[in-house]
């Protein structure tokens, strides 16, 4: 059978007592400025934690956008298949800028 992976990295994941050490995930979503939605009076952004005064969404916070009291999208920091984290809508569409979050 062909060898895959790295023996050195695998050995580093085993503690002195033989238990598995959880690797740290160094990937994180970049802060996302959210101001575009606020231009519409009927838009409401509801987040797990209120956005700070600079209107920047940072992990681990996540939000939903309501447009005229209808769910428009959810916004979450997710892990992609490539091992990177990015902001995405609930349907898996990446959110790259403020313009992507509006009614």
C-alpha atoms as a PDB file:
ATOM      1  CA  UNK A   1       0.000   0.000   0.000  1.00  0.00           C
ATOM      2  CA  UNK A   2       1.294   3.446  -0.910  1.00  0.00           C
ATOM      3  CA  UNK A   3       2.186   5.682   2.048  1.00  0.00           C
ATOM      4  CA  UNK A   4       0.279   8.941   2.376  1.00  0.00           C
ATOM      5  CA  UNK A   5       0.686  11.875   4.716  1.00  0.00           C
ATOM      6  CA  UNK A   6       3.631  12.694   6.924  1.00  0.00           C
ATOM      7  CA  UNK A   7       4.903  10.364   9.654  1.00  0.00           C
ATOM      8  CA  UNK A   8       6.473  13.367  11.395  1.00  0.00           C
ATOM      9  CA  UNK A   9       3.195  15.312  11.506  1.00  0.00           C
ATOM     10  CA  UNK A  10       1.287  12.213  12.615  1.00  0.00           C
ATOM     11  CA  UNK A  11       3.754  11.581  15.453  1.00  0.00           C
ATOM     12  CA  UNK A  12       3.300  15.201  16.563  1.00  0.00           C
ATOM     13  CA  UNK A  13      -0.408  14.533  17.073  1.00  0.00           C
ATOM     14  CA  UNK A  14       0.193  11.851  19.709  1.00  0.00           C
ATOM     15  CA  UNK A  15       0.701  13.022  23.290  1.00  0.00           C
ATOM     16  CA  UNK A  16       3.266  11.598  25.701  1.00  0.00           C
ATOM     17  CA  UNK A  17       0.543   9.522  27.351  1.00  0.00           C
ATOM     18  CA  UNK A  18      -0.574   8.115  23.967  1.00  0.00           C
ATOM     19  CA  UNK A  19      -3.679  10.289  23.616  1.00  0.00           C
ATOM     20  CA  UNK A  20      -4.494  12.142  20.418  1.00  0.00           C
ATOM     21  CA  UNK A  21      -3.777  15.874  20.490  1.00  0.00           C
ATOM     22  CA  UNK A  22      -6.325  17.984  18.638  1.00  0.00           C
ATOM     23  CA  UNK A  23      -4.519  20.029  15.963  1.00  0.00           C
ATOM     24  CA  UNK A  24      -5.057  23.796  15.985  1.00  0.00           C
ATOM     25  CA  UNK A  25      -6.902  25.314  13.082  1.00  0.00           C
ATOM     26  CA  UNK A  26      -4.986  28.428  12.071  1.00  0.00           C
ATOM     27  CA  UNK A  27      -7.429  29.476   9.385  1.00  0.00           C
ATOM     28  CA  UNK A  28      -9.945  32.202  10.255  1.00  0.00           C
ATOM     29  CA  UNK A  29     -12.429  34.402   8.423  1.00  0.00           C
ATOM     30  CA  UNK A  30     -11.257  37.937   7.789  1.00  0.00           C
ATOM     31  CA  UNK A  31     -13.265  40.732   9.451  1.00  0.00           C
ATOM     32  CA  UNK A  32     -16.197  41.772   7.236  1.00  0.00           C
ATOM     33  CA  UNK A  33     -17.502  45.352   7.263  1.00  0.00           C
ATOM     34  CA  UNK A  34     -21.320  45.331   7.044  1.00  0.00           C
ATOM     35  CA  UNK A  35     -22.884  48.720   6.253  1.00  0.00           C
ATOM     36  CA  UNK A  36     -24.617  48.295   2.881  1.00  0.00           C
ATOM     37  CA  UNK A  37     -27.695  46.550   4.335  1.00  0.00           C
ATOM     38  CA  UNK A  38     -28.390  49.550   6.600  1.00  0.00           C
ATOM     39  CA  UNK A  39     -29.234  51.762   3.590  1.00  0.00           C
ATOM     40  CA  UNK A  40     -32.624  50.025   3.435  1.00  0.00           C
ATOM     41  CA  UNK A  41     -35.062  50.917   6.220  1.00  0.00           C
ATOM     42  CA  UNK A  42     -36.722  47.500   5.963  1.00  0.00           C
ATOM     43  CA  UNK A  43     -33.457  45.562   6.466  1.00  0.00           C
ATOM     44  CA  UNK A  44     -32.533  44.060   9.837  1.00  0.00           C
ATOM     45  CA  UNK A  45     -29.259  42.326  10.592  1.00  0.00           C
ATOM     46  CA  UNK A  46     -29.584  40.072  13.632  1.00  0.00           C
ATOM     47  CA  UNK A  47     -26.364  38.566  14.964  1.00  0.00           C
ATOM     48  CA  UNK A  48     -25.539  36.143  17.768  1.00  0.00           C
ATOM     49  CA  UNK A  49     -23.553  38.977  19.336  1.00  0.00           C
ATOM     50  CA  UNK A  50     -24.293  42.635  18.484  1.00  0.00           C
ATOM     51  CA  UNK A  51     -21.868  44.119  15.971  1.00  0.00           C
ATOM     52  CA  UNK A  52     -19.352  46.540  17.472  1.00  0.00           C
ATOM     53  CA  UNK A  53     -19.557  50.256  16.683  1.00  0.00           C
ATOM     54  CA  UNK A  54     -17.354  49.787  13.608  1.00  0.00           C
ATOM     55  CA  UNK A  55     -20.032  47.447  12.059  1.00  0.00           C
ATOM     56  CA  UNK A  56     -17.479  44.698  11.473  1.00  0.00           C
ATOM     57  CA  UNK A  57     -18.439  41.030  11.645  1.00  0.00           C
ATOM     58  CA  UNK A  58     -15.738  38.871  13.201  1.00  0.00           C
ATOM     59  CA  UNK A  59     -15.670  35.163  14.030  1.00  0.00           C
ATOM     60  CA  UNK A  60     -17.163  33.397  15.884  1.00  0.00           C
ATOM     61  CA  UNK A  61     -20.156  35.720  15.395  1.00  0.00           C
ATOM     62  CA  UNK A  62     -22.792  34.882  12.759  1.00  0.00           C
ATOM     63  CA  UNK A  63     -25.875  36.752  11.534  1.00  0.00           C
ATOM     64  CA  UNK A  64     -29.111  36.576   9.596  1.00  0.00           C
ATOM     65  CA  UNK A  65     -30.415  39.312   7.292  1.00  0.00           C
ATOM     66  CA  UNK A  66     -34.150  39.983   7.304  1.00  0.00           C
ATOM     67  CA  UNK A  67     -35.659  42.012   4.463  1.00  0.00           C
ATOM     68  CA  UNK A  68     -39.152  43.279   5.264  1.00  0.00           C
ATOM     69  CA  UNK A  69     -39.278  40.568   7.979  1.00  0.00           C
ATOM     70  CA  UNK A  70     -38.417  37.780   5.478  1.00  0.00           C
ATOM     71  CA  UNK A  71     -35.243  35.743   5.792  1.00  0.00           C
ATOM     72  CA  UNK A  72     -32.886  36.844   3.020  1.00  0.00           C
ATOM     73  CA  UNK A  73     -29.710  35.041   4.124  1.00  0.00           C
ATOM     74  CA  UNK A  74     -27.648  33.693   6.950  1.00  0.00           C
ATOM     75  CA  UNK A  75     -23.982  34.659   7.304  1.00  0.00           C
ATOM     76  CA  UNK A  76     -21.527  32.208   8.820  1.00  0.00           C
ATOM     77  CA  UNK A  77     -17.777  31.628   8.895  1.00  0.00           C
ATOM     78  CA  UNK A  78     -17.363  28.145   7.408  1.00  0.00           C
ATOM     79  CA  UNK A  79     -14.513  25.791   6.606  1.00  0.00           C
ATOM     80  CA  UNK A  80     -14.178  25.155   2.863  1.00  0.00           C
ATOM     81  CA  UNK A  81     -13.106  21.891   1.226  1.00  0.00           C
ATOM     82  CA  UNK A  82      -9.631  23.389   0.790  1.00  0.00           C
ATOM     83  CA  UNK A  83      -9.216  23.873   4.542  1.00  0.00           C
ATOM     84  CA  UNK A  84      -9.677  27.645   4.439  1.00  0.00           C
ATOM     85  CA  UNK A  85     -12.349  29.623   6.267  1.00  0.00           C
ATOM     86  CA  UNK A  86     -14.591  32.136   4.526  1.00  0.00           C
ATOM     87  CA  UNK A  87     -17.835  33.994   5.120  1.00  0.00           C
ATOM     88  CA  UNK A  88     -20.699  32.268   3.313  1.00  0.00           C
ATOM     89  CA  UNK A  89     -24.429  32.618   2.872  1.00  0.00           C
ATOM     90  CA  UNK A  90     -26.554  29.705   4.011  1.00  0.00           C
ATOM     91  CA  UNK A  91     -26.631  28.350   0.442  1.00  0.00           C
ATOM     92  CA  UNK A  92     -22.812  28.111   0.336  1.00  0.00           C
ATOM     93  CA  UNK A  93     -22.256  31.257  -1.746  1.00  0.00           C
ATOM     94  CA  UNK A  94     -19.092  33.088  -0.605  1.00  0.00           C
ATOM     95  CA  UNK A  95     -19.469  36.599   0.795  1.00  0.00           C
ATOM     96  CA  UNK A  96     -16.499  38.626  -0.384  1.00  0.00           C
ATOM     97  CA  UNK A  97     -17.568  42.205   0.305  1.00  0.00           C
ATOM     98  CA  UNK A  98     -20.154  44.448   1.944  1.00  0.00           C
ATOM     99  CA  UNK A  99     -22.162  44.636  -1.305  1.00  0.00           C
ATOM    100  CA  UNK A 100     -22.936  40.906  -1.020  1.00  0.00           C
ATOM    101  CA  UNK A 101     -25.020  41.535   2.121  1.00  0.00           C
ATOM    102  CA  UNK A 102     -28.057  43.637   1.266  1.00  0.00           C
ATOM    103  CA  UNK A 103     -31.755  43.318   0.521  1.00  0.00           C
END
